[in-house]
Protein backbone atom coordinates (compact mmCIF):
# COMPACT_ATOMS: atom_id res chain seq x y z
CA UNK A 1 -168.34 63.38 80.91
CA UNK A 2 -164.77 64.20 79.90
CA UNK A 3 -165.90 67.43 78.26
CA UNK A 4 -167.84 68.49 81.33
CA UNK A 5 -164.88 67.64 83.53
CA UNK A 6 -162.74 70.12 81.57
CA UNK A 7 -165.55 72.65 81.76
CA UNK A 8 -165.75 72.41 85.52
CA UNK A 9 -161.99 72.83 85.85
CA UNK A 10 -162.09 75.95 83.70
CA UNK A 11 -160.14 74.56 80.75
CA UNK A 12 -163.13 74.79 78.39
CA UNK A 13 -165.27 77.89 78.73
CA UNK A 14 -166.89 78.63 75.37
CA UNK A 15 -170.58 78.11 76.19
CA UNK A 16 -173.31 79.05 73.76
CA UNK A 17 -176.75 80.19 74.90
CA UNK A 18 -177.93 76.59 75.32
CA UNK A 19 -174.93 75.45 77.33
CA UNK A 20 -173.35 73.61 74.40
CA UNK A 21 -169.66 73.56 73.52
CA UNK A 22 -169.84 73.42 69.70
CA UNK A 23 -168.90 69.73 69.34
CA UNK A 24 -169.15 69.85 65.55
CA UNK A 25 -166.89 72.88 65.09
CA UNK A 26 -163.22 72.67 64.22
CA UNK A 27 -160.79 73.96 66.84
CA UNK A 28 -158.71 76.83 65.47
CA UNK A 29 -155.05 77.38 66.23
CA UNK A 30 -155.75 80.27 68.61
CA UNK A 31 -158.38 78.25 70.48
CA UNK A 32 -156.00 75.30 70.69
CA UNK A 33 -153.25 77.43 72.22
CA UNK A 34 -155.74 78.91 74.70
CA UNK A 35 -156.86 75.44 75.81
CA UNK A 36 -153.30 74.19 76.20
CA UNK A 37 -152.39 77.32 78.14
CA UNK A 38 -155.26 76.83 80.56
CA UNK A 39 -154.24 73.19 81.07
CA UNK A 40 -150.67 74.19 81.90
CA UNK A 41 -151.35 77.41 83.81
CA UNK A 42 -154.25 77.06 86.28
CA UNK A 43 -154.39 80.82 86.92
CA UNK A 44 -155.63 81.32 83.34
CA UNK A 45 -158.66 79.13 83.86
CA UNK A 46 -162.11 80.70 84.12
CA UNK A 47 -164.59 78.40 85.73
CA UNK A 48 -167.98 77.74 84.13
CA UNK A 49 -170.84 77.00 86.51
CA UNK A 50 -172.26 73.81 85.06
CA UNK A 51 -174.45 72.54 87.85
CA UNK A 52 -177.25 74.49 86.17
CA UNK A 53 -176.82 72.36 83.05
CA UNK A 54 -176.18 69.01 84.71
CA UNK A 55 -178.22 66.64 82.61
CA UNK A 56 -180.49 69.39 81.25
CA UNK A 57 -180.35 70.76 77.73
CA UNK A 58 -182.40 73.83 78.65
CA UNK A 59 -180.17 76.45 80.29
CA UNK A 60 -180.49 77.95 83.74
CA UNK A 61 -182.32 81.28 83.62
CA UNK A 62 -183.96 83.67 86.08
CA UNK A 63 -187.00 82.12 87.72
CA UNK A 64 -189.94 82.35 85.32
CA UNK A 65 -193.06 84.09 86.56
CA UNK A 66 -196.64 82.90 86.20
CA UNK A 67 -197.15 84.67 82.87
CA UNK A 68 -194.56 82.38 81.31
CA UNK A 69 -196.95 79.44 81.68
CA UNK A 70 -200.10 81.05 80.28
CA UNK A 71 -199.43 79.44 76.90
CA UNK A 72 -198.05 76.19 78.34
CA UNK A 73 -199.52 72.76 78.96
CA UNK A 74 -198.40 69.66 80.82
CA UNK A 75 -199.01 66.06 79.75
CA UNK A 76 -198.39 63.32 82.26
CA UNK A 77 -199.18 60.81 84.95
CA UNK A 78 -200.05 61.07 88.64
CA UNK A 79 -196.80 62.91 89.34
CA UNK A 80 -198.04 65.69 87.07
CA UNK A 81 -201.36 65.55 88.91
CA UNK A 82 -199.38 66.27 92.05
CA UNK A 83 -197.57 69.12 90.33
CA UNK A 84 -200.90 70.66 89.37
CA UNK A 85 -202.23 70.33 92.94
CA UNK A 86 -199.21 71.46 94.95
CA UNK A 87 -197.09 73.71 92.76
CA UNK A 88 -197.74 77.34 91.97
CA UNK A 89 -197.95 76.69 88.23
CA UNK A 90 -201.60 77.65 88.01
CA UNK A 91 -201.65 79.38 84.63
CA UNK A 92 -200.80 76.28 82.58
CA UNK A 93 -203.22 73.66 81.28
CA UNK A 94 -202.81 70.14 82.67
CA UNK A 95 -203.72 67.00 80.73
CA UNK A 96 -202.77 64.41 83.31
CA UNK A 97 -204.23 61.42 85.07
CA UNK A 98 -203.17 58.57 87.31
CA UNK A 99 -201.60 55.70 85.38
CA UNK A 100 -201.01 57.57 82.13
CA UNK A 101 -198.47 55.93 79.83
CA UNK A 102 -196.99 56.59 76.41
CA UNK A 103 -199.77 54.38 75.06
CA UNK A 104 -202.77 55.77 76.95
CA UNK A 105 -201.67 59.36 76.28
CA UNK A 106 -202.63 58.83 72.64
CA UNK A 107 -205.43 56.27 73.01
CA UNK A 108 -207.65 57.13 75.98
CA UNK A 109 -210.10 60.00 75.51
CA UNK A 110 -210.32 61.81 78.85
CA UNK A 111 -209.89 65.53 78.23
CA UNK A 112 -211.62 68.47 76.64
CA UNK A 113 -209.35 70.44 74.35
CA UNK A 114 -209.24 74.26 74.24
CA UNK A 115 -211.56 74.14 71.23
CA UNK A 116 -214.10 71.96 73.03
CA UNK A 117 -213.40 68.59 71.44
CA UNK A 118 -213.09 65.44 73.55
CA UNK A 119 -209.52 64.21 73.13
CA UNK A 120 -206.64 62.14 74.38
CA UNK A 121 -204.03 64.01 76.40
CA UNK A 122 -201.82 64.45 73.35
CA UNK A 123 -204.79 65.31 71.17
CA UNK A 124 -205.96 67.99 73.60
CA UNK A 125 -202.50 69.55 73.69
CA UNK A 126 -202.18 69.39 69.91
CA UNK A 127 -205.52 71.18 69.51
CA UNK A 128 -204.43 74.11 71.64
CA UNK A 129 -202.43 77.23 70.86
CA UNK A 130 -199.51 76.33 73.11
CA UNK A 131 -195.96 77.56 72.73
CA UNK A 132 -194.62 75.30 75.49
CA UNK A 133 -195.45 71.64 76.11
CA UNK A 134 -194.07 69.72 79.09
CA UNK A 135 -194.22 65.91 79.12
CA UNK A 136 -193.70 63.62 82.12
CA UNK A 137 -194.23 59.97 81.19
CA UNK A 138 -192.37 56.75 81.91
CA UNK A 139 -192.68 55.63 85.53
CA UNK A 140 -195.79 53.56 84.74
CA UNK A 141 -194.02 51.95 81.79
CA UNK A 142 -191.01 50.73 83.80
CA UNK A 143 -190.40 47.16 82.68
CA UNK A 144 -191.17 47.86 79.02
CA UNK A 145 -188.20 47.40 76.71
CA UNK A 146 -186.33 50.72 76.62
CA UNK A 147 -186.17 50.93 72.82
CA UNK A 148 -189.90 50.21 72.58
CA UNK A 149 -190.64 52.90 75.17
CA UNK A 150 -188.52 55.37 73.23
CA UNK A 151 -190.31 54.54 69.97
CA UNK A 152 -193.76 55.13 71.49
CA UNK A 153 -192.55 58.37 73.06
CA UNK A 154 -191.18 59.49 69.67
CA UNK A 155 -194.65 59.16 68.17
CA UNK A 156 -195.99 61.57 70.78
CA UNK A 157 -193.28 64.09 69.93
CA UNK A 158 -193.98 63.71 66.21
CA UNK A 159 -197.69 64.39 66.74
CA UNK A 160 -197.05 67.48 68.83
CA UNK A 161 -194.43 68.88 66.49
CA UNK A 162 -196.73 68.36 63.53
CA UNK A 163 -199.61 70.22 65.21
CA UNK A 164 -197.54 72.79 67.14
CA UNK A 165 -194.47 73.39 64.97
CA UNK A 166 -193.44 76.55 66.83
CA UNK A 167 -193.80 75.12 70.33
CA UNK A 168 -190.88 74.37 72.61
CA UNK A 169 -191.27 70.81 73.87
CA UNK A 170 -189.73 69.96 77.23
CA UNK A 171 -189.16 66.29 78.03
CA UNK A 172 -189.07 65.91 81.80
CA UNK A 173 -186.95 63.03 82.98
CA UNK A 174 -188.37 60.32 85.17
CA UNK A 175 -188.03 61.43 88.76
CA UNK A 176 -185.97 59.39 91.26
CA UNK A 177 -187.12 56.59 93.55
CA UNK A 178 -186.12 55.92 97.14
CA UNK A 179 -183.79 53.13 98.22
CA UNK A 180 -186.64 50.91 99.45
CA UNK A 181 -188.21 50.91 95.98
CA UNK A 182 -184.83 50.15 94.46
CA UNK A 183 -184.34 47.07 96.62
CA UNK A 184 -187.00 45.00 94.88
CA UNK A 185 -189.24 44.89 91.85
CA UNK A 186 -188.87 47.01 88.72
CA UNK A 187 -188.90 50.55 90.15
CA UNK A 188 -185.13 50.69 90.41
CA UNK A 189 -182.60 53.46 89.95
CA UNK A 190 -181.05 51.47 87.12
CA UNK A 191 -184.34 51.34 85.23
CA UNK A 192 -185.01 55.03 85.84
CA UNK A 193 -181.54 55.87 84.54
CA UNK A 194 -181.99 53.67 81.47
CA UNK A 195 -185.27 55.36 80.57
CA UNK A 196 -183.78 58.78 81.17
CA UNK A 197 -180.86 57.99 78.92
CA UNK A 198 -183.32 57.14 76.15
CA UNK A 199 -185.30 60.33 76.79
CA UNK A 200 -182.20 62.49 76.58
CA UNK A 201 -181.26 60.80 73.30
CA UNK A 202 -184.78 61.45 72.04
CA UNK A 203 -184.64 65.12 72.97
CA UNK A 204 -181.50 65.53 70.89
CA UNK A 205 -182.90 63.57 67.96
CA UNK A 206 -186.18 65.51 67.92
CA UNK A 207 -184.86 68.95 68.80
CA UNK A 208 -186.64 69.09 72.16
CA UNK A 209 -185.36 70.17 75.56
CA UNK A 210 -184.57 67.65 78.27
CA UNK A 211 -184.97 68.58 81.93
CA UNK A 212 -182.94 66.58 84.43
CA UNK A 213 -185.30 65.98 87.36
CA UNK A 214 -182.97 63.60 89.18
CA UNK A 215 -179.56 65.10 89.89
CA UNK A 216 -180.65 67.89 92.21
CA UNK A 217 -183.56 65.96 93.73
CA UNK A 218 -181.67 63.00 95.21
CA UNK A 219 -179.80 62.88 98.51
CA UNK A 220 -176.14 61.99 99.02
CA UNK A 221 -176.95 58.31 98.46
CA UNK A 222 -178.26 59.01 94.98
CA UNK A 223 -181.87 58.16 95.92
CA UNK A 224 -184.99 60.08 96.79
CA UNK A 225 -184.99 60.73 100.52
CA UNK A 226 -187.66 59.03 102.62
CA UNK A 227 -188.45 62.52 103.91
CA UNK A 228 -189.52 63.49 100.38
CA UNK A 229 -191.79 60.58 99.41
CA UNK A 230 -194.68 58.65 100.92
CA UNK A 231 -194.45 55.57 98.69
CA UNK A 232 -190.97 55.68 97.18
CA UNK A 233 -192.13 57.33 93.95
CA UNK A 234 -194.64 60.11 94.65
CA UNK A 235 -193.67 63.25 96.53
CA UNK A 236 -194.75 65.07 99.62
CA UNK A 237 -195.85 68.63 98.97
CA UNK A 238 -192.49 70.29 99.65
CA UNK A 239 -190.79 68.13 97.02
CA UNK A 240 -193.21 69.31 94.36
CA UNK A 241 -192.01 72.84 95.12
CA UNK A 242 -188.46 71.71 94.42
CA UNK A 243 -189.55 70.09 91.16
CA UNK A 244 -191.41 73.26 90.24
CA UNK A 245 -188.21 75.22 90.76
CA UNK A 246 -186.37 73.08 88.19
CA UNK A 247 -189.12 73.77 85.68
CA UNK A 248 -189.28 77.50 86.41
CA UNK A 249 -185.52 78.00 86.09
CA UNK A 250 -184.66 75.87 83.05
CA UNK A 251 -186.13 77.16 79.81
CA UNK A 252 -185.37 78.85 76.51
CA UNK A 253 -186.44 82.31 75.43
């Protein structure tokens, strides 16, 4: 957070193509003097627009067209079902079903793969010739120990990376809940944030890309607006378009 604060103020401005700031590199004398100068003299600062990278490790890019998704697939729960129904991402393959979890994604045979075999969601994706795999899992697991959830999720990533070593894997964060859901039970903002923290850690550990599907989707209270959801978790149609926009504009070449 401190690093991004200095980025937003224009003190740090050395972004690479992924929005990183070279945390492992040594700071040279010239770079040090430049940083100090920008701290002391505000007119020297050059602002970096970071709202595109807030929470996401895939950078903001021009909106991807339909052809981008012709070699893509989505794995996920009922939220991904909604994305397949209401978004314009028609060229991708969808291996999704209501209630899918990190366990059922690798244990329940419900899908035909591109080569005609009957597979689990992960098995169907692994059998395809995909260069992009998007995963949305976690809301049905809320209540499971976070470390256990992360370990099961890691097995999915390992399987996909073994079968599709050249594919870019995008881990979609859990999406937000509304304030009514947060007020009781396990579908709370705190639990969503805890799972998302684990998913972002996992994306770094496994070399995947994390998409923040919370920050720009919540209202000023930090929750999903009642206007956007019919049950506190699932979206109305217009919200799927907003979610689609995050996916279409955050990717790597």
